[in-house]
Amino acid sequence: MRQKRILLFVIGVGLIGIIGCGGDASGNVVTGKVTLSGNPVDRGIITFSGKEKKVSAPIDKDGSYKIEGVAAGPNQVSIDANIPGGKNGSVKGNLTFDVKPGKNSKDFPLEK
């Protein structure tokens, strides 16, 4: 009986460690809009690169995006998109965003 209690205790502690120690990025979400000179950047990809994790999501026709599973902390941001006027391109450089745990909002108003 005592061995069974010890086994259940060990399993419980292990589950707590797996489920709830706060370092999991799966609950971190960033939403926003990407524009270029005030016009929506449509049909592209936005990528957030944190210290140990890189995630991407599509940019919708209206310039909006929703990216899930972003690492908390400073992230480099790159945008590969359909630039208004018919040119495809990549915006990199100094785009950064400090992601907080949970829900975040960040617009990227780009200029030509």
Protein backbone atom coordinates (compact mmCIF):
# COMPACT_ATOMS: atom_id res chain seq x y z
CA MET A 1 0.00 0.00 0.00
CA ARG A 2 2.78 2.41 0.88
CA GLN A 3 4.60 1.68 -2.40
CA LYS A 4 1.41 2.48 -4.30
CA ARG A 5 1.12 5.88 -2.56
CA ILE A 6 4.76 6.68 -3.31
CA LEU A 7 4.28 5.71 -6.95
CA LEU A 8 1.16 7.90 -7.24
CA PHE A 9 3.03 10.80 -5.61
CA VAL A 10 5.94 10.48 -8.05
CA ILE A 11 3.56 10.33 -11.02
CA GLY A 12 1.67 13.39 -9.74
CA VAL A 13 4.85 15.43 -9.30
CA GLY A 14 5.98 14.39 -12.78
CA LEU A 15 2.68 15.52 -14.31
CA ILE A 16 2.88 18.88 -12.56
CA GLY A 17 6.37 19.34 -14.01
CA ILE A 18 5.18 18.48 -17.49
CA ILE A 19 1.95 20.47 -17.45
CA GLY A 20 2.38 23.60 -15.42
CA CYS A 21 5.75 25.18 -14.93
CA GLY A 22 5.10 28.31 -16.98
CA GLY A 23 7.92 28.09 -19.52
CA ASP A 24 5.68 26.70 -22.24
CA ALA A 25 5.28 29.03 -25.23
CA SER A 26 2.16 27.26 -26.53
CA GLY A 27 -0.15 29.78 -24.86
CA ASN A 28 1.64 32.86 -26.21
CA VAL A 29 -0.26 34.50 -29.07
CA VAL A 30 0.52 37.63 -31.09
CA THR A 31 -2.07 39.30 -33.33
CA GLY A 32 -1.86 42.45 -35.41
CA LYS A 33 -1.73 44.01 -38.87
CA VAL A 34 1.07 44.48 -41.37
CA THR A 35 0.82 47.57 -43.59
CA LEU A 36 3.10 49.29 -46.08
CA SER A 37 2.62 53.05 -46.45
CA GLY A 38 -0.85 52.64 -44.92
CA ASN A 39 -1.97 49.82 -47.25
CA PRO A 40 -2.47 46.23 -46.03
CA VAL A 41 0.30 43.81 -46.92
CA ASP A 42 -1.64 40.83 -48.21
CA ARG A 43 -0.84 37.15 -48.48
CA GLY A 44 2.53 36.82 -46.85
CA ILE A 45 4.28 35.07 -44.01
CA ILE A 46 5.34 36.60 -40.70
CA THR A 47 7.99 34.85 -38.61
CA PHE A 48 8.91 35.40 -34.96
CA SER A 49 12.33 34.06 -33.96
CA GLY A 50 12.91 33.85 -30.22
CA LYS A 51 15.94 32.63 -28.34
CA GLU A 52 15.08 28.95 -28.80
CA LYS A 53 12.00 28.87 -31.04
CA LYS A 54 10.98 30.07 -34.51
CA VAL A 55 7.31 30.14 -35.57
CA SER A 56 5.55 31.44 -38.68
CA ALA A 57 1.98 32.26 -39.68
CA PRO A 58 0.21 33.57 -42.78
CA ILE A 59 -0.69 37.22 -43.29
CA ASP A 60 -4.30 37.50 -44.45
CA LYS A 61 -5.56 39.60 -47.36
CA ASP A 62 -6.48 42.48 -45.02
CA GLY A 63 -2.95 42.51 -43.51
CA SER A 64 -3.96 40.79 -40.27
CA TYR A 65 -2.11 37.89 -38.70
CA LYS A 66 -2.40 35.59 -35.69
CA ILE A 67 0.66 33.64 -34.63
CA GLU A 68 0.56 31.09 -31.82
CA GLY A 69 3.26 29.37 -29.80
CA VAL A 70 5.64 32.33 -29.82
CA ALA A 71 8.48 32.24 -27.30
CA ALA A 72 8.19 34.82 -24.53
CA GLY A 73 10.90 37.48 -24.56
CA PRO A 74 12.61 39.36 -27.37
CA ASN A 75 11.87 38.07 -30.88
CA GLN A 76 13.33 39.04 -34.24
CA VAL A 77 10.51 39.48 -36.75
CA SER A 78 10.73 38.92 -40.49
CA ILE A 79 8.00 39.45 -43.06
CA ASP A 80 7.93 37.76 -46.46
CA ALA A 81 4.98 39.27 -48.25
CA ASN A 82 3.18 40.41 -51.34
CA ILE A 83 4.13 44.08 -51.31
CA PRO A 84 1.33 46.35 -52.64
CA GLY A 85 2.09 47.25 -56.25
CA GLY A 86 2.87 43.69 -57.33
CA LYS A 87 6.37 43.17 -55.94
CA ASN A 88 7.16 40.24 -53.68
CA GLY A 89 9.72 40.91 -51.04
CA SER A 90 11.15 40.27 -47.64
CA VAL A 91 11.34 42.76 -44.81
CA LYS A 92 13.94 41.92 -42.21
CA GLY A 93 16.29 44.32 -40.49
CA ASN A 94 15.49 45.69 -37.07
CA LEU A 95 11.94 44.42 -36.62
CA THR A 96 11.67 43.16 -33.06
CA PHE A 97 8.95 42.55 -30.50
CA ASP A 98 9.16 41.62 -26.82
CA VAL A 99 6.49 38.94 -26.38
CA LYS A 100 4.83 38.73 -22.97
CA PRO A 101 3.25 35.50 -21.69
CA GLY A 102 -0.35 35.17 -22.93
CA LYS A 103 -2.05 37.38 -25.52
CA ASN A 104 -0.13 40.16 -27.30
CA SER A 105 -0.95 42.68 -30.02
CA LYS A 106 1.58 44.22 -32.40
CA ASP A 107 1.03 46.08 -35.67
CA PHE A 108 3.90 46.50 -38.13
CA PRO A 109 3.37 49.76 -40.09
CA LEU A 110 6.12 49.57 -42.70
CA GLU A 111 7.21 52.43 -44.98
CA LYS A 112 8.68 52.29 -48.49
